[in-house]
Protein backbone atom coordinates (compact mmCIF):
# COMPACT_ATOMS: atom_id res chain seq x y z
CA MET A 1 10.96 6.15 16.69
CA ARG A 2 9.55 9.57 17.96
CA PRO A 3 5.97 10.06 18.49
CA PHE A 4 3.94 12.85 16.52
CA ARG A 5 0.91 14.42 15.42
CA TRP A 6 1.03 15.80 12.03
CA ARG A 7 -1.74 17.82 10.87
CA ASP A 8 -2.06 17.44 7.07
CA GLY A 9 -4.86 19.09 5.29
CA GLU A 10 -8.18 17.88 6.64
CA ARG A 11 -6.54 14.75 8.27
CA LEU A 12 -4.60 14.17 11.41
CA ILE A 13 -1.90 11.58 11.91
CA ARG A 14 -0.81 10.41 15.07
CA PHE A 15 2.18 7.81 15.15
CA GLU A 16 2.68 6.60 18.57
CA ALA A 17 2.51 3.44 20.76
CA GLY A 18 -1.47 2.95 21.95
CA ALA A 19 -2.49 5.31 19.13
CA GLY A 20 -5.80 3.30 18.30
CA LEU A 21 -7.23 4.03 21.60
CA GLU A 22 -8.12 7.59 20.33
CA ALA A 23 -10.47 5.93 17.52
CA TRP A 24 -13.68 7.68 17.45
CA PRO A 25 -16.46 6.36 19.99
CA ASP A 26 -19.81 5.71 18.79
CA ALA A 27 -18.68 5.06 15.01
CA GLU A 28 -19.12 1.53 13.16
CA LEU A 29 -16.02 -0.72 13.62
CA LEU A 30 -14.78 -2.60 10.59
CA THR A 31 -12.54 -5.43 10.95
CA THR A 32 -11.38 -8.75 10.33
CA ALA A 33 -12.02 -11.73 12.72
CA ARG A 34 -8.26 -11.82 13.25
CA ALA A 35 -7.77 -8.24 13.86
CA LEU A 36 -10.71 -8.01 16.05
CA GLU A 37 -9.18 -9.97 18.68
CA ASP A 38 -6.39 -6.99 18.87
CA VAL A 39 -8.79 -4.50 19.32
CA PRO A 40 -8.62 -3.16 22.90
CA ALA A 41 -12.24 -3.69 24.58
CA ALA A 42 -12.34 0.09 25.15
CA VAL A 43 -12.63 0.69 21.45
CA ARG A 44 -14.96 -2.49 20.90
CA ASP A 45 -17.33 -1.59 23.51
CA ARG A 46 -17.85 1.99 22.25
CA ALA A 47 -18.44 1.02 18.87
CA ALA A 48 -22.04 1.84 17.42
CA ALA A 49 -21.55 -1.49 15.58
CA VAL A 50 -18.62 -3.85 14.56
CA HIS A 51 -18.65 -5.36 11.07
CA GLU A 52 -16.25 -8.10 9.73
CA VAL A 53 -14.93 -7.41 6.30
CA PRO A 54 -15.52 -10.39 4.25
CA SER A 55 -12.71 -12.02 2.47
CA GLY A 56 -12.16 -11.14 -1.24
CA GLY A 57 -11.81 -8.07 -3.74
CA VAL A 58 -12.57 -4.47 -1.95
CA PRO A 59 -15.57 -3.73 -4.68
CA GLU A 60 -17.37 -7.08 -3.32
CA ALA A 61 -16.62 -6.65 0.29
CA ALA A 62 -17.99 -2.88 0.08
CA LEU A 63 -21.01 -4.00 -1.72
CA ALA A 64 -21.52 -6.86 0.84
CA LEU A 65 -21.43 -4.27 3.75
CA ALA A 66 -23.13 -1.34 2.05
CA GLY A 67 -26.58 -2.38 3.50
CA ARG A 68 -25.14 -2.82 6.88
CA VAL A 69 -22.90 0.06 7.64
CA ARG A 70 -25.19 3.00 8.11
CA GLY A 71 -23.33 5.64 10.07
CA GLU A 72 -21.46 8.23 8.56
CA ARG A 73 -18.18 7.57 10.54
CA THR A 74 -16.52 4.28 10.53
CA VAL A 75 -13.03 3.23 12.47
CA ALA A 76 -11.12 0.64 9.86
CA TRP A 77 -8.91 -1.49 12.08
CA GLY A 78 -6.76 -3.78 9.93
CA GLY A 79 -4.85 -4.17 6.98
CA GLY A 80 -5.15 -2.67 3.35
CA ARG A 81 -8.36 -4.52 2.32
CA VAL A 82 -10.42 -3.02 5.53
CA ILE A 83 -9.09 0.15 5.20
CA ASP A 84 -9.82 0.34 1.40
CA THR A 85 -13.09 -0.87 1.98
CA ALA A 86 -13.94 1.75 4.53
CA LYS A 87 -12.69 4.33 2.04
CA ALA A 88 -14.96 3.06 -0.74
CA LEU A 89 -18.24 3.13 1.76
CA ALA A 90 -17.18 6.61 2.88
CA ALA A 91 -16.67 7.82 -0.73
CA ALA A 92 -20.29 6.48 -1.85
CA ARG A 93 -21.69 8.18 1.40
CA ASP A 94 -19.97 11.16 1.96
CA GLY A 95 -18.56 9.63 5.19
CA GLU A 96 -15.36 9.77 7.06
CA VAL A 97 -13.06 7.03 8.14
CA CYS A 98 -10.47 6.56 10.90
CA ALA A 99 -7.78 4.21 9.88
CA VAL A 100 -6.10 2.28 12.55
CA PRO A 101 -3.35 0.13 10.19
CA THR A 102 -2.45 -3.32 11.26
CA THR A 103 0.14 -3.83 8.18
CA LEU A 104 2.44 -1.97 5.89
CA SER A 105 0.18 -1.59 3.28
CA GLY A 106 0.03 2.47 3.41
CA ALA A 107 -3.76 2.46 2.69
CA GLU A 108 -4.47 4.64 5.69
CA MET A 109 -2.31 7.30 3.88
CA THR A 110 -3.82 7.20 0.38
CA ARG A 111 -7.00 8.36 -1.74
CA GLY A 112 -6.49 5.19 -3.84
CA GLY A 113 -8.60 2.16 -3.99
CA ARG A 114 -11.21 0.59 -5.74
CA PRO A 115 -14.83 2.06 -5.33
CA LEU A 116 -18.16 0.59 -4.53
CA PRO A 117 -19.93 -0.75 -7.80
CA GLY A 118 -22.18 2.35 -9.15
CA TYR A 119 -19.88 5.05 -7.42
CA GLU A 120 -16.92 5.09 -9.74
CA SER A 121 -17.31 8.86 -10.38
CA ALA A 122 -17.50 9.55 -6.72
CA PRO A 123 -14.48 11.62 -5.17
CA ARG A 124 -12.06 9.11 -3.60
CA ARG A 125 -11.66 9.76 0.20
CA ARG A 126 -8.70 9.60 2.34
CA PRO A 127 -9.03 8.96 6.23
CA ALA A 128 -9.64 11.92 8.24
CA LEU A 129 -8.04 10.49 11.07
CA VAL A 130 -4.86 7.96 10.84
CA LEU A 131 -3.76 6.38 14.36
CA ALA A 132 -0.72 4.49 13.47
CA ASP A 133 0.65 2.27 16.25
CA PRO A 134 3.95 0.97 15.29
CA GLY A 135 3.93 -2.15 17.25
CA ALA A 136 0.31 -3.00 15.56
CA MET A 137 1.89 -2.34 12.20
CA GLU A 138 4.94 -4.37 12.71
CA SER A 139 3.29 -7.34 14.46
CA ALA A 140 3.24 -9.86 11.73
CA PRO A 141 5.85 -12.45 11.47
CA ILE A 142 9.40 -11.14 10.07
CA GLU A 143 8.85 -13.17 6.64
CA TRP A 144 5.46 -11.59 6.04
CA LEU A 145 6.85 -8.28 7.35
CA ARG A 146 9.54 -8.42 4.29
CA LEU A 147 6.82 -9.05 1.67
CA SER A 148 4.76 -6.12 3.16
CA ALA A 149 7.79 -3.60 3.49
CA MET A 150 8.42 -4.43 -0.23
CA ASN A 151 4.98 -3.17 -0.97
CA ALA A 152 5.77 0.00 1.00
CA LEU A 153 9.15 0.35 -0.88
CA ALA A 154 7.41 0.23 -4.48
CA HIS A 155 5.27 3.32 -2.99
CA ALA A 156 8.32 5.10 -2.21
CA ALA A 157 9.92 3.96 -5.71
CA GLU A 158 7.13 4.96 -7.90
CA SER A 159 6.61 8.69 -6.32
CA LEU A 160 9.99 9.41 -7.63
CA VAL A 161 9.26 8.97 -11.09
CA THR A 162 5.55 9.99 -12.08
CA TYR A 163 4.76 13.49 -13.26
CA GLY A 164 3.37 14.34 -10.06
CA ALA A 165 6.81 13.77 -8.26
CA ASN A 166 7.68 17.08 -6.47
CA PRO A 167 10.22 17.75 -3.66
CA VAL A 168 8.15 17.00 -0.47
CA ALA A 169 7.09 13.45 -1.87
CA SER A 170 10.32 12.64 -2.77
CA MET A 171 12.13 13.42 0.18
CA ALA A 172 9.62 11.47 1.93
CA ALA A 173 10.05 8.65 -0.38
CA LEU A 174 13.94 8.51 0.13
CA ARG A 175 13.47 8.72 3.87
CA SER A 176 10.99 5.93 3.57
CA ALA A 177 13.34 4.17 1.68
CA GLU A 178 16.34 4.44 4.41
CA LEU A 179 13.56 3.51 7.28
CA LEU A 180 12.46 0.56 5.56
CA SER A 181 16.10 -0.87 4.47
CA GLN A 182 17.39 0.05 8.20
CA GLY A 183 14.48 -1.41 9.75
CA LEU A 184 14.61 -5.13 7.52
CA ASP A 185 18.58 -4.85 8.34
CA GLY A 186 17.78 -4.40 12.11
CA GLU A 187 17.56 -7.46 14.40
CA ARG A 188 13.90 -6.83 15.37
CA PRO A 189 11.06 -4.28 14.55
CA ASP A 190 11.61 -0.87 16.57
CA GLY A 191 9.08 1.51 14.21
CA ARG A 192 11.40 2.30 11.20
CA LEU A 193 9.61 -0.07 9.25
CA ALA A 194 5.94 1.45 10.17
CA LEU A 195 7.10 5.10 9.74
CA GLY A 196 8.90 3.94 6.55
CA SER A 197 5.10 2.49 5.46
CA VAL A 198 3.41 6.01 6.54
CA LEU A 199 5.90 8.27 4.53
CA ALA A 200 5.71 5.82 1.46
CA GLY A 201 1.94 6.24 1.32
CA TYR A 202 2.22 9.84 1.82
CA ALA A 203 4.39 10.21 -0.93
CA LEU A 204 2.46 7.75 -3.32
CA ASP A 205 -0.67 9.63 -2.50
CA SER A 206 0.82 12.95 -3.23
CA ALA A 207 2.49 11.88 -6.91
CA GLY A 208 0.48 8.99 -8.11
CA ILE A 209 1.00 5.80 -9.50
CA ALA A 210 2.40 4.30 -12.87
CA LEU A 211 4.14 1.31 -14.05
CA HIS A 212 4.83 -0.64 -11.11
CA HIS A 213 1.40 -0.39 -9.56
CA VAL A 214 -0.44 -0.85 -13.01
CA LEU A 215 1.25 -3.77 -13.35
CA CYS A 216 0.90 -5.76 -9.87
CA GLN A 217 -2.61 -4.76 -9.73
CA THR A 218 -3.49 -6.30 -12.82
CA ILE A 219 -1.63 -9.59 -11.93
CA VAL A 220 -3.32 -9.69 -8.52
CA ARG A 221 -6.79 -9.21 -10.47
CA THR A 222 -5.81 -11.55 -13.03
CA ALA A 223 -3.96 -14.41 -11.58
CA GLY A 224 -5.29 -14.25 -7.86
CA THR A 225 -2.13 -13.75 -6.38
CA GLY A 226 -1.32 -12.01 -2.85
CA HIS A 227 -1.03 -8.44 -3.16
CA ALA A 228 2.07 -8.25 -0.79
CA ALA A 229 4.01 -11.05 -2.45
CA THR A 230 3.11 -9.84 -5.93
CA ASN A 231 4.45 -6.58 -5.13
CA ALA A 232 7.97 -8.04 -3.77
CA CYS A 233 8.48 -10.61 -6.42
CA MET A 234 7.96 -7.76 -9.17
CA LEU A 235 9.82 -4.76 -7.66
CA PRO A 236 13.40 -5.94 -8.86
CA TYR A 237 12.28 -6.30 -12.45
CA THR A 238 10.13 -2.90 -12.29
CA LEU A 239 12.68 -1.09 -10.75
CA GLU A 240 14.89 -1.94 -13.62
CA ALA A 241 12.25 -1.02 -16.03
CA LEU A 242 11.59 2.45 -14.26
CA ALA A 243 15.53 3.08 -14.33
CA LYS A 244 15.60 2.98 -18.14
CA ARG A 245 13.04 5.66 -17.83
CA ALA A 246 14.04 7.76 -14.88
CA PRO A 247 17.82 6.82 -14.36
CA GLU A 248 18.51 9.47 -11.80
CA PRO A 249 15.44 8.76 -9.23
CA MET A 250 16.24 5.13 -9.50
CA ALA A 251 19.96 6.22 -8.56
CA GLU A 252 18.90 8.48 -5.48
CA LEU A 253 16.72 5.34 -4.51
CA ALA A 254 19.64 2.86 -4.69
CA ALA A 255 21.88 5.35 -2.53
CA ALA A 256 19.02 5.44 -0.12
CA LEU A 257 19.38 1.49 0.08
CA GLY A 258 23.01 1.92 0.67
CA VAL A 259 23.98 0.74 -3.00
CA ASP A 260 24.81 2.00 -6.21
CA ARG A 261 22.48 2.09 -9.25
CA ALA A 262 23.71 -1.44 -10.50
CA GLY A 263 23.14 -3.29 -7.23
CA LEU A 264 19.51 -1.89 -6.65
CA ALA A 265 17.85 -5.11 -7.79
CA GLY A 266 19.98 -7.22 -5.68
CA ARG A 267 19.29 -5.17 -2.77
CA VAL A 268 15.60 -5.53 -2.97
CA ARG A 269 15.97 -9.20 -3.24
CA GLU A 270 17.96 -9.04 0.05
CA LEU A 271 15.68 -7.10 1.60
CA ALA A 272 12.95 -9.14 0.69
CA GLY A 273 14.35 -12.25 2.14
CA GLY A 274 15.36 -13.67 -1.34
CA GLY A 275 14.00 -13.43 -5.01
CA SER A 276 10.65 -15.12 -5.96
CA ARG A 277 9.22 -15.75 -9.53
CA LEU A 278 5.75 -15.67 -11.03
CA SER A 279 5.98 -19.33 -12.07
CA GLU A 280 6.78 -20.02 -8.47
CA MET A 281 3.38 -18.18 -7.48
CA GLY A 282 1.30 -20.04 -9.82
CA VAL A 283 0.82 -17.58 -12.61
CA GLY A 284 0.73 -19.56 -15.83
CA ARG A 285 2.78 -18.49 -18.55
CA ASP A 286 -0.17 -18.52 -20.78
CA LEU A 287 -1.67 -15.81 -18.67
CA LEU A 288 1.15 -13.13 -19.28
CA PRO A 289 0.19 -11.58 -22.66
CA ARG A 290 -3.35 -11.07 -20.95
CA ILE A 291 -1.91 -9.43 -18.00
CA ALA A 292 0.25 -7.28 -20.24
CA ASP A 293 -2.96 -6.24 -22.44
CA ALA A 294 -5.15 -5.40 -19.74
CA ALA A 295 -2.28 -3.44 -17.86
CA GLY A 296 -1.28 -1.66 -21.21
CA GLY A 297 -4.66 -0.33 -21.52
CA ARG A 298 -4.54 1.53 -18.04
CA ASP A 299 -4.49 5.39 -18.11
CA GLU A 300 -2.08 5.39 -15.19
CA LEU A 301 0.93 4.29 -17.30
CA GLN A 302 0.65 7.54 -18.92
CA ASN A 303 1.78 9.38 -15.51
CA MET A 304 5.33 8.99 -16.31
CA PRO A 305 8.11 10.04 -19.55
CA ASN A 306 8.16 7.39 -21.82
CA PRO A 307 5.41 5.41 -20.87
CA ALA A 308 5.40 1.52 -21.10
CA THR A 309 3.60 -0.23 -23.61
CA ALA A 310 1.85 -3.69 -23.49
CA ALA A 311 5.27 -5.17 -25.21
CA ASP A 312 7.08 -3.47 -22.67
CA LEU A 313 5.21 -5.00 -19.77
CA LEU A 314 5.44 -8.33 -21.26
CA SER A 315 8.90 -8.18 -21.26
CA VAL A 316 8.89 -7.23 -17.64
CA LEU A 317 6.24 -10.18 -17.07
CA GLU A 318 8.55 -12.58 -18.94
CA ALA A 319 11.83 -11.46 -16.94
CA ALA A 320 10.30 -12.05 -13.77
CA TRP A 321 8.25 -15.53 -14.56
């Protein structure tokens, strides 16, 4: 893919092989033990300190690091949890984040993410510098890339149907869907998945979330399932629910994936490497009403026409179980 530098408001996005070498010197580096192995020595040696982001949820990880991360600038090198933890800390202390993504989470492009406990009302922060190296973002095994790409595709899909949907975000979302499907249909990663993820994250940050993300986030928090796997499992079913409320945008999404509206769910399962079910992920059927009730109370459901009720969400969950 063609490299670029994109000035978007207060942030700069660089998309190019080796982009991570431009990470801020003298900033504190947040990463994981596995991701640290791939951080160039030049970046590690320039860091003011290196902090390993602990496992678990973002609020807990941010709380564990709050007393150790002292600087105003941090470099988040890793997946969505690492980047979201850095954003939570930055929001709490009016700091800045440089994000170097190593997955297709899209976290580097959004203000989203759970806050540091006690700072729920603080303005959310998105990274001021995004250094997207396609090779690093697409370095996982193809099975994992498929799941992660479905998370990105969910970003693109939902940004088409919210009240915040707009022409620029929708163009980015549809181009993202094309790139993600082409990348997964190809023989090997070639940058299209990475660019598709960046564009999908941009679209979601602009348009906001609704039914799909509310439901998947609640499943993860209630049942402890993996984030990417949950998105991949639920996406065919939530797209059907979205299509009932916004048929034209979902038809556009289907066309971007190379099928008609009727073939959308099947195409998504194909791209994901086969369908999965909540029951196969260890989600007990007895949890479904609790998940539906918790999700049904989220304000973000009102971010699109004909918002889903808890009963609607339970029907989607039962179909996916």
